[in-house]
Amino acid sequence: MGQPEFSKGTVNKYRAALLEHGQSAASVNLALSAIRKLATEPVDNGYLDPTAAAGVERVPGVSRRGVRTGNWLIRE
């Protein structure tokens, strides 16, 4: 067994592992954003198939739930 393949399935497993370890939605989405950006570089250099990179870019983020806290501007 060599290195794991960089594919949509691998990124989905990583996303699930982050959620299992209790990472917040914002942290998971930040990691996925970096991975999506990383997927474009090997395509530009000819190391990764563009179809595989497109699959990685389509991995869905985690929806954020809750309310914002803090001092927000009001009309007054």
N, C-alpha and C. Protein backbone atom coordinates (compact mmCIF):
# COMPACT_ATOMS: atom_id res chain seq x y z
N MET A 1 0.84 -1.19 0.00
CA MET A 1 0.00 0.00 0.00
C MET A 1 0.88 1.24 0.00
N GLY A 2 0.70 2.09 -0.92
CA GLY A 2 1.46 3.33 -0.98
C GLY A 2 0.76 4.44 -0.23
N GLN A 3 0.96 5.61 -0.71
CA GLN A 3 0.30 6.77 -0.11
C GLN A 3 -1.17 6.78 -0.52
N PRO A 4 -2.04 7.33 0.33
CA PRO A 4 -3.45 7.42 -0.04
C PRO A 4 -3.65 8.36 -1.22
N GLU A 5 -4.64 8.06 -2.01
CA GLU A 5 -4.94 8.86 -3.19
C GLU A 5 -5.56 10.19 -2.79
N PHE A 6 -5.20 11.24 -3.50
CA PHE A 6 -5.79 12.56 -3.27
C PHE A 6 -7.04 12.64 -4.13
N SER A 7 -8.18 12.38 -3.53
CA SER A 7 -9.43 12.32 -4.28
C SER A 7 -10.56 12.87 -3.42
N LYS A 8 -11.73 12.97 -4.02
CA LYS A 8 -12.91 13.45 -3.32
C LYS A 8 -13.24 12.55 -2.13
N GLY A 9 -13.10 11.25 -2.33
CA GLY A 9 -13.38 10.30 -1.25
C GLY A 9 -12.45 10.49 -0.06
N THR A 10 -11.18 10.71 -0.33
CA THR A 10 -10.20 10.92 0.73
C THR A 10 -10.51 12.20 1.50
N VAL A 11 -10.86 13.24 0.79
CA VAL A 11 -11.18 14.52 1.44
C VAL A 11 -12.47 14.40 2.25
N ASN A 12 -13.44 13.64 1.74
CA ASN A 12 -14.67 13.41 2.51
C ASN A 12 -14.38 12.66 3.81
N LYS A 13 -13.46 11.68 3.77
CA LYS A 13 -13.08 10.95 4.98
C LYS A 13 -12.39 11.88 5.97
N TYR A 14 -11.55 12.77 5.46
CA TYR A 14 -10.86 13.73 6.32
C TYR A 14 -11.88 14.67 6.97
N ARG A 15 -12.86 15.12 6.20
CA ARG A 15 -13.92 15.99 6.72
C ARG A 15 -14.67 15.29 7.85
N ALA A 16 -15.01 14.01 7.64
CA ALA A 16 -15.73 13.24 8.65
C ALA A 16 -14.87 13.06 9.91
N ALA A 17 -13.56 12.83 9.72
CA ALA A 17 -12.67 12.66 10.87
C ALA A 17 -12.57 13.94 11.69
N LEU A 18 -12.52 15.10 11.01
CA LEU A 18 -12.48 16.37 11.73
C LEU A 18 -13.75 16.56 12.57
N LEU A 19 -14.88 16.22 11.99
CA LEU A 19 -16.14 16.36 12.72
C LEU A 19 -16.21 15.38 13.90
N GLU A 20 -15.69 14.17 13.71
CA GLU A 20 -15.68 13.18 14.80
C GLU A 20 -14.83 13.65 15.97
N HIS A 21 -13.76 14.37 15.68
CA HIS A 21 -12.87 14.85 16.72
C HIS A 21 -13.38 16.15 17.36
N GLY A 22 -14.58 16.57 17.01
CA GLY A 22 -15.19 17.71 17.67
C GLY A 22 -14.79 19.07 17.14
N GLN A 23 -14.23 19.13 15.95
CA GLN A 23 -13.87 20.43 15.38
C GLN A 23 -15.13 21.22 15.06
N SER A 24 -15.05 22.53 15.20
CA SER A 24 -16.20 23.38 14.89
C SER A 24 -16.40 23.45 13.37
N ALA A 25 -17.58 23.88 12.97
CA ALA A 25 -17.89 24.02 11.55
C ALA A 25 -16.92 25.00 10.89
N ALA A 26 -16.59 26.07 11.58
CA ALA A 26 -15.68 27.07 11.01
C ALA A 26 -14.29 26.47 10.79
N SER A 27 -13.81 25.66 11.73
CA SER A 27 -12.49 25.04 11.58
C SER A 27 -12.47 24.05 10.43
N VAL A 28 -13.52 23.26 10.30
CA VAL A 28 -13.61 22.28 9.22
C VAL A 28 -13.66 23.00 7.88
N ASN A 29 -14.47 24.04 7.80
CA ASN A 29 -14.59 24.79 6.54
C ASN A 29 -13.27 25.47 6.17
N LEU A 30 -12.53 25.93 7.16
CA LEU A 30 -11.23 26.55 6.90
C LEU A 30 -10.25 25.51 6.33
N ALA A 31 -10.25 24.32 6.91
CA ALA A 31 -9.36 23.25 6.42
C ALA A 31 -9.76 22.84 5.00
N LEU A 32 -11.06 22.72 4.76
CA LEU A 32 -11.52 22.33 3.42
C LEU A 32 -11.18 23.40 2.38
N SER A 33 -11.24 24.66 2.78
CA SER A 33 -10.88 25.74 1.88
C SER A 33 -9.42 25.63 1.46
N ALA A 34 -8.55 25.34 2.42
CA ALA A 34 -7.13 25.19 2.11
C ALA A 34 -6.89 24.00 1.19
N ILE A 35 -7.61 22.90 1.43
CA ILE A 35 -7.45 21.71 0.59
C ILE A 35 -7.94 21.99 -0.83
N ARG A 36 -9.03 22.71 -0.96
CA ARG A 36 -9.54 23.06 -2.29
C ARG A 36 -8.51 23.89 -3.06
N LYS A 37 -7.91 24.84 -2.38
CA LYS A 37 -6.86 25.66 -3.02
C LYS A 37 -5.66 24.80 -3.38
N LEU A 38 -5.31 23.87 -2.51
CA LEU A 38 -4.18 22.99 -2.74
C LEU A 38 -4.41 22.09 -3.95
N ALA A 39 -5.64 21.74 -4.24
CA ALA A 39 -5.95 20.84 -5.36
C ALA A 39 -5.63 21.47 -6.71
N THR A 40 -5.60 22.77 -6.80
CA THR A 40 -5.34 23.41 -8.10
C THR A 40 -3.87 23.39 -8.49
N GLU A 41 -2.97 23.41 -7.51
CA GLU A 41 -1.53 23.48 -7.80
C GLU A 41 -1.01 22.25 -8.54
N PRO A 42 -1.32 21.01 -8.10
CA PRO A 42 -0.81 19.86 -8.85
C PRO A 42 -1.40 19.74 -10.25
N VAL A 43 -2.60 20.26 -10.46
CA VAL A 43 -3.19 20.26 -11.80
C VAL A 43 -2.39 21.18 -12.71
N ASP A 44 -2.04 22.35 -12.19
CA ASP A 44 -1.26 23.32 -12.98
C ASP A 44 0.11 22.75 -13.38
N ASN A 45 0.66 21.88 -12.53
CA ASN A 45 1.99 21.31 -12.80
C ASN A 45 1.92 19.94 -13.46
N GLY A 46 0.72 19.45 -13.74
CA GLY A 46 0.57 18.18 -14.44
C GLY A 46 0.69 16.94 -13.59
N TYR A 47 0.59 17.06 -12.27
CA TYR A 47 0.69 15.91 -11.37
C TYR A 47 -0.65 15.29 -11.00
N LEU A 48 -1.74 15.99 -11.24
CA LEU A 48 -3.06 15.51 -10.86
C LEU A 48 -4.03 15.72 -12.00
N ASP A 49 -4.89 14.75 -12.20
CA ASP A 49 -5.91 14.83 -13.23
C ASP A 49 -6.91 15.95 -12.90
N PRO A 50 -7.25 16.80 -13.86
CA PRO A 50 -8.22 17.88 -13.58
C PRO A 50 -9.57 17.38 -13.08
N THR A 51 -9.96 16.18 -13.50
CA THR A 51 -11.24 15.62 -13.04
C THR A 51 -11.18 15.32 -11.54
N ALA A 52 -10.06 14.79 -11.08
CA ALA A 52 -9.90 14.50 -9.65
C ALA A 52 -9.91 15.80 -8.84
N ALA A 53 -9.24 16.82 -9.35
CA ALA A 53 -9.21 18.11 -8.65
C ALA A 53 -10.60 18.73 -8.58
N ALA A 54 -11.37 18.57 -9.66
CA ALA A 54 -12.74 19.11 -9.65
C ALA A 54 -13.58 18.39 -8.60
N GLY A 55 -13.36 17.10 -8.43
CA GLY A 55 -14.08 16.35 -7.40
C GLY A 55 -13.73 16.84 -6.01
N VAL A 56 -12.47 17.12 -5.77
CA VAL A 56 -12.02 17.63 -4.47
C VAL A 56 -12.65 18.99 -4.21
N GLU A 57 -12.74 19.82 -5.22
CA GLU A 57 -13.31 21.15 -5.06
C GLU A 57 -14.81 21.12 -4.77
N ARG A 58 -15.46 20.00 -5.09
CA ARG A 58 -16.91 19.88 -4.86
C ARG A 58 -17.27 19.27 -3.51
N VAL A 59 -16.29 18.99 -2.67
CA VAL A 59 -16.58 18.47 -1.33
C VAL A 59 -17.33 19.55 -0.56
N PRO A 60 -18.51 19.24 -0.05
CA PRO A 60 -19.31 20.28 0.61
C PRO A 60 -18.75 20.69 1.96
N GLY A 61 -18.93 21.94 2.28
CA GLY A 61 -18.55 22.44 3.59
C GLY A 61 -19.60 22.06 4.62
N VAL A 62 -19.35 22.43 5.85
CA VAL A 62 -20.27 22.14 6.95
C VAL A 62 -21.10 23.39 7.18
N SER A 63 -22.42 23.22 7.28
CA SER A 63 -23.27 24.39 7.52
C SER A 63 -23.09 24.84 8.97
N ARG A 64 -23.03 26.14 9.13
CA ARG A 64 -22.84 26.70 10.46
C ARG A 64 -24.20 27.03 11.04
N ARG A 65 -24.36 26.67 12.29
CA ARG A 65 -25.63 26.93 12.97
C ARG A 65 -25.36 27.72 14.23
N GLY A 66 -26.37 28.42 14.68
CA GLY A 66 -26.22 29.20 15.90
C GLY A 66 -26.45 30.67 15.63
N VAL A 67 -26.24 31.44 16.64
CA VAL A 67 -26.42 32.88 16.52
C VAL A 67 -25.09 33.57 16.80
N ARG A 68 -24.91 34.69 16.21
CA ARG A 68 -23.70 35.47 16.45
C ARG A 68 -23.83 36.18 17.79
N THR A 69 -22.75 36.18 18.51
CA THR A 69 -22.75 36.87 19.79
C THR A 69 -21.84 38.09 19.70
N GLY A 70 -22.07 39.01 20.56
CA GLY A 70 -21.23 40.20 20.58
C GLY A 70 -22.04 41.46 20.47
N ASN A 71 -21.37 42.57 20.38
CA ASN A 71 -22.02 43.86 20.26
C ASN A 71 -22.18 44.20 18.79
N TRP A 72 -23.40 44.21 18.32
CA TRP A 72 -23.67 44.52 16.92
C TRP A 72 -24.32 45.89 16.82
N LEU A 73 -24.07 46.53 15.72
CA LEU A 73 -24.64 47.85 15.52
C LEU A 73 -26.16 47.77 15.48
N ILE A 74 -26.79 48.73 16.07
CA ILE A 74 -28.24 48.83 15.99
C ILE A 74 -28.59 50.18 15.39
N ARG A 75 -29.85 50.33 15.00
CA ARG A 75 -30.29 51.53 14.32
C ARG A 75 -30.09 52.80 15.16
N GLU A 76 -30.21 52.69 16.44
CA GLU A 76 -30.08 53.85 17.32
C GLU A 76 -28.64 54.28 17.33
